[in-house]
N, C-alpha and C. Protein backbone atom coordinates (compact mmCIF):
# COMPACT_ATOMS: atom_id res chain seq x y z
N MET A 1 -24.87 -29.61 32.09
CA MET A 1 -25.65 -30.14 30.98
C MET A 1 -25.23 -31.59 30.68
N GLN A 2 -24.80 -32.33 31.67
CA GLN A 2 -24.41 -33.72 31.45
C GLN A 2 -25.61 -34.64 31.26
N LYS A 3 -26.74 -34.31 31.86
CA LYS A 3 -27.94 -35.13 31.74
C LYS A 3 -29.00 -34.43 30.89
N THR A 4 -28.57 -33.54 30.01
CA THR A 4 -29.48 -32.76 29.18
C THR A 4 -29.17 -32.96 27.70
N VAL A 5 -30.20 -33.09 26.91
CA VAL A 5 -30.05 -33.10 25.45
C VAL A 5 -30.90 -31.97 24.89
N VAL A 6 -30.41 -31.34 23.84
CA VAL A 6 -31.15 -30.27 23.18
C VAL A 6 -31.78 -30.88 21.93
N VAL A 7 -33.10 -30.85 21.89
CA VAL A 7 -33.85 -31.46 20.79
C VAL A 7 -34.37 -30.34 19.90
N GLU A 8 -34.08 -30.46 18.60
CA GLU A 8 -34.54 -29.46 17.64
C GLU A 8 -35.74 -30.02 16.89
N VAL A 9 -36.82 -29.25 16.89
CA VAL A 9 -38.05 -29.65 16.20
C VAL A 9 -38.32 -28.63 15.10
N SER A 10 -38.40 -29.11 13.86
CA SER A 10 -38.69 -28.19 12.75
C SER A 10 -40.01 -28.59 12.11
N ARG A 11 -40.74 -27.59 11.66
CA ARG A 11 -42.02 -27.81 11.01
C ARG A 11 -42.21 -26.77 9.93
N MET A 12 -43.12 -27.05 9.01
CA MET A 12 -43.43 -26.12 7.94
C MET A 12 -44.70 -25.36 8.30
N GLN A 13 -44.66 -24.05 8.11
CA GLN A 13 -45.81 -23.20 8.41
C GLN A 13 -46.16 -22.39 7.17
N LYS A 14 -47.45 -22.17 6.97
CA LYS A 14 -47.92 -21.44 5.79
C LYS A 14 -48.12 -19.97 6.14
N HIS A 15 -47.57 -19.09 5.30
CA HIS A 15 -47.73 -17.66 5.50
C HIS A 15 -49.16 -17.27 5.16
N SER A 16 -49.78 -16.47 6.05
CA SER A 16 -51.20 -16.16 5.86
C SER A 16 -51.48 -15.29 4.64
N LYS A 17 -50.59 -14.36 4.32
CA LYS A 17 -50.82 -13.46 3.21
C LYS A 17 -50.30 -14.02 1.89
N TYR A 18 -49.07 -14.55 1.90
CA TYR A 18 -48.42 -14.96 0.64
C TYR A 18 -48.63 -16.43 0.29
N LYS A 19 -49.22 -17.21 1.21
CA LYS A 19 -49.54 -18.61 0.97
C LYS A 19 -48.32 -19.47 0.64
N LYS A 20 -47.16 -19.05 1.08
CA LYS A 20 -45.94 -19.82 0.88
C LYS A 20 -45.60 -20.53 2.18
N TYR A 21 -44.91 -21.66 2.08
CA TYR A 21 -44.49 -22.40 3.26
C TYR A 21 -43.06 -22.03 3.62
N TYR A 22 -42.81 -21.92 4.92
CA TYR A 22 -41.47 -21.65 5.40
C TYR A 22 -41.21 -22.51 6.64
N SER A 23 -39.94 -22.71 6.94
CA SER A 23 -39.54 -23.59 8.02
C SER A 23 -39.44 -22.83 9.34
N VAL A 24 -40.01 -23.42 10.40
CA VAL A 24 -39.93 -22.86 11.74
C VAL A 24 -39.26 -23.89 12.63
N THR A 25 -38.22 -23.49 13.36
CA THR A 25 -37.45 -24.40 14.19
C THR A 25 -37.54 -23.98 15.65
N GLN A 26 -37.76 -24.97 16.54
CA GLN A 26 -37.77 -24.73 17.97
C GLN A 26 -36.79 -25.69 18.62
N LYS A 27 -36.17 -25.25 19.72
CA LYS A 27 -35.25 -26.09 20.47
C LYS A 27 -35.80 -26.30 21.87
N PHE A 28 -35.77 -27.55 22.31
CA PHE A 28 -36.23 -27.91 23.64
C PHE A 28 -35.09 -28.59 24.39
N LYS A 29 -34.94 -28.28 25.67
CA LYS A 29 -33.97 -28.97 26.51
C LYS A 29 -34.70 -30.08 27.23
N ALA A 30 -34.21 -31.32 27.07
CA ALA A 30 -34.87 -32.49 27.64
C ALA A 30 -33.91 -33.24 28.55
N HIS A 31 -34.46 -33.86 29.58
CA HIS A 31 -33.67 -34.60 30.57
C HIS A 31 -33.37 -36.00 30.05
N ASP A 32 -32.10 -36.40 30.12
CA ASP A 32 -31.63 -37.73 29.72
C ASP A 32 -30.81 -38.28 30.87
N GLU A 33 -31.44 -39.09 31.72
CA GLU A 33 -30.80 -39.55 32.97
C GLU A 33 -29.55 -40.37 32.74
N GLU A 34 -29.58 -41.33 31.80
CA GLU A 34 -28.43 -42.23 31.59
C GLU A 34 -27.40 -41.70 30.61
N GLY A 35 -27.71 -40.67 29.87
CA GLY A 35 -26.77 -40.14 28.86
C GLY A 35 -26.67 -41.05 27.65
N ARG A 36 -27.76 -41.69 27.25
CA ARG A 36 -27.75 -42.65 26.15
C ARG A 36 -27.79 -42.01 24.77
N TYR A 37 -28.27 -40.78 24.66
CA TYR A 37 -28.53 -40.18 23.36
C TYR A 37 -27.46 -39.18 22.99
N HIS A 38 -27.08 -39.18 21.71
CA HIS A 38 -25.98 -38.36 21.23
C HIS A 38 -26.43 -37.53 20.03
N THR A 39 -25.54 -36.73 19.50
CA THR A 39 -25.83 -35.88 18.36
C THR A 39 -26.27 -36.70 17.16
N GLY A 40 -27.38 -36.31 16.56
CA GLY A 40 -27.89 -36.99 15.38
C GLY A 40 -28.97 -38.01 15.66
N ASP A 41 -29.18 -38.38 16.93
CA ASP A 41 -30.22 -39.33 17.28
C ASP A 41 -31.59 -38.67 17.19
N LYS A 42 -32.56 -39.40 16.68
CA LYS A 42 -33.95 -38.91 16.66
C LYS A 42 -34.64 -39.51 17.87
N VAL A 43 -35.17 -38.65 18.72
CA VAL A 43 -35.75 -39.10 19.99
C VAL A 43 -37.19 -38.62 20.14
N LEU A 44 -37.90 -39.27 21.05
CA LEU A 44 -39.25 -38.87 21.43
C LEU A 44 -39.16 -38.20 22.79
N ILE A 45 -39.85 -37.07 22.94
CA ILE A 45 -39.84 -36.36 24.22
C ILE A 45 -41.26 -36.21 24.73
N LYS A 46 -41.38 -36.06 26.07
CA LYS A 46 -42.68 -35.93 26.71
C LYS A 46 -42.59 -34.79 27.71
N GLU A 47 -43.65 -34.00 27.79
CA GLU A 47 -43.68 -32.89 28.73
C GLU A 47 -43.82 -33.42 30.16
N THR A 48 -43.13 -32.79 31.09
CA THR A 48 -43.16 -33.19 32.49
C THR A 48 -43.08 -31.95 33.38
N LYS A 49 -43.09 -32.14 34.67
CA LYS A 49 -42.97 -31.02 35.59
C LYS A 49 -41.58 -30.38 35.43
N PRO A 50 -41.42 -29.12 35.77
CA PRO A 50 -40.12 -28.46 35.60
C PRO A 50 -39.02 -29.15 36.39
N ILE A 51 -37.93 -29.47 35.70
CA ILE A 51 -36.78 -30.11 36.33
C ILE A 51 -35.74 -29.05 36.71
N SER A 52 -35.61 -28.03 35.86
CA SER A 52 -34.72 -26.91 36.14
C SER A 52 -35.34 -25.66 35.50
N LYS A 53 -34.56 -24.61 35.37
CA LYS A 53 -35.09 -23.35 34.84
C LYS A 53 -35.67 -23.49 33.44
N GLU A 54 -34.98 -24.24 32.57
CA GLU A 54 -35.42 -24.37 31.18
C GLU A 54 -35.86 -25.78 30.80
N LYS A 55 -35.62 -26.78 31.64
CA LYS A 55 -35.95 -28.16 31.30
C LYS A 55 -37.35 -28.50 31.77
N ARG A 56 -38.25 -28.76 30.81
CA ARG A 56 -39.61 -29.19 31.10
C ARG A 56 -39.99 -30.41 30.28
N TRP A 57 -39.01 -31.10 29.72
CA TRP A 57 -39.23 -32.25 28.86
C TRP A 57 -38.34 -33.40 29.32
N ILE A 58 -38.75 -34.62 29.01
CA ILE A 58 -37.96 -35.81 29.34
C ILE A 58 -37.92 -36.70 28.09
N VAL A 59 -36.77 -37.32 27.85
CA VAL A 59 -36.62 -38.21 26.71
C VAL A 59 -37.21 -39.56 27.09
N ILE A 60 -38.10 -40.08 26.23
CA ILE A 60 -38.72 -41.38 26.54
C ILE A 60 -38.21 -42.50 25.64
N GLY A 61 -37.49 -42.20 24.57
CA GLY A 61 -36.93 -43.24 23.73
C GLY A 61 -36.53 -42.72 22.36
N LYS A 62 -35.96 -43.63 21.57
CA LYS A 62 -35.58 -43.29 20.20
C LYS A 62 -36.76 -43.49 19.28
N SER A 63 -36.81 -42.69 18.23
CA SER A 63 -37.83 -42.88 17.21
C SER A 63 -37.18 -43.52 15.99
N GLN A 64 -37.99 -44.19 15.18
CA GLN A 64 -37.45 -44.87 14.01
C GLN A 64 -37.39 -43.96 12.85
């Protein structure tokens, strides 16, 4: 996992019956060739062809 970063994406979803919002979190493994990104960085990812068993994303840059 030297060239891999785990990106956590959270979003709010509305419950169909109770009409309340709750948080849903997903984790994606993304390829980082140079190892530039570290814990706490906000990054942009793009879907690509499968790189390994679980990696189907690539980091394209930092977000502001």
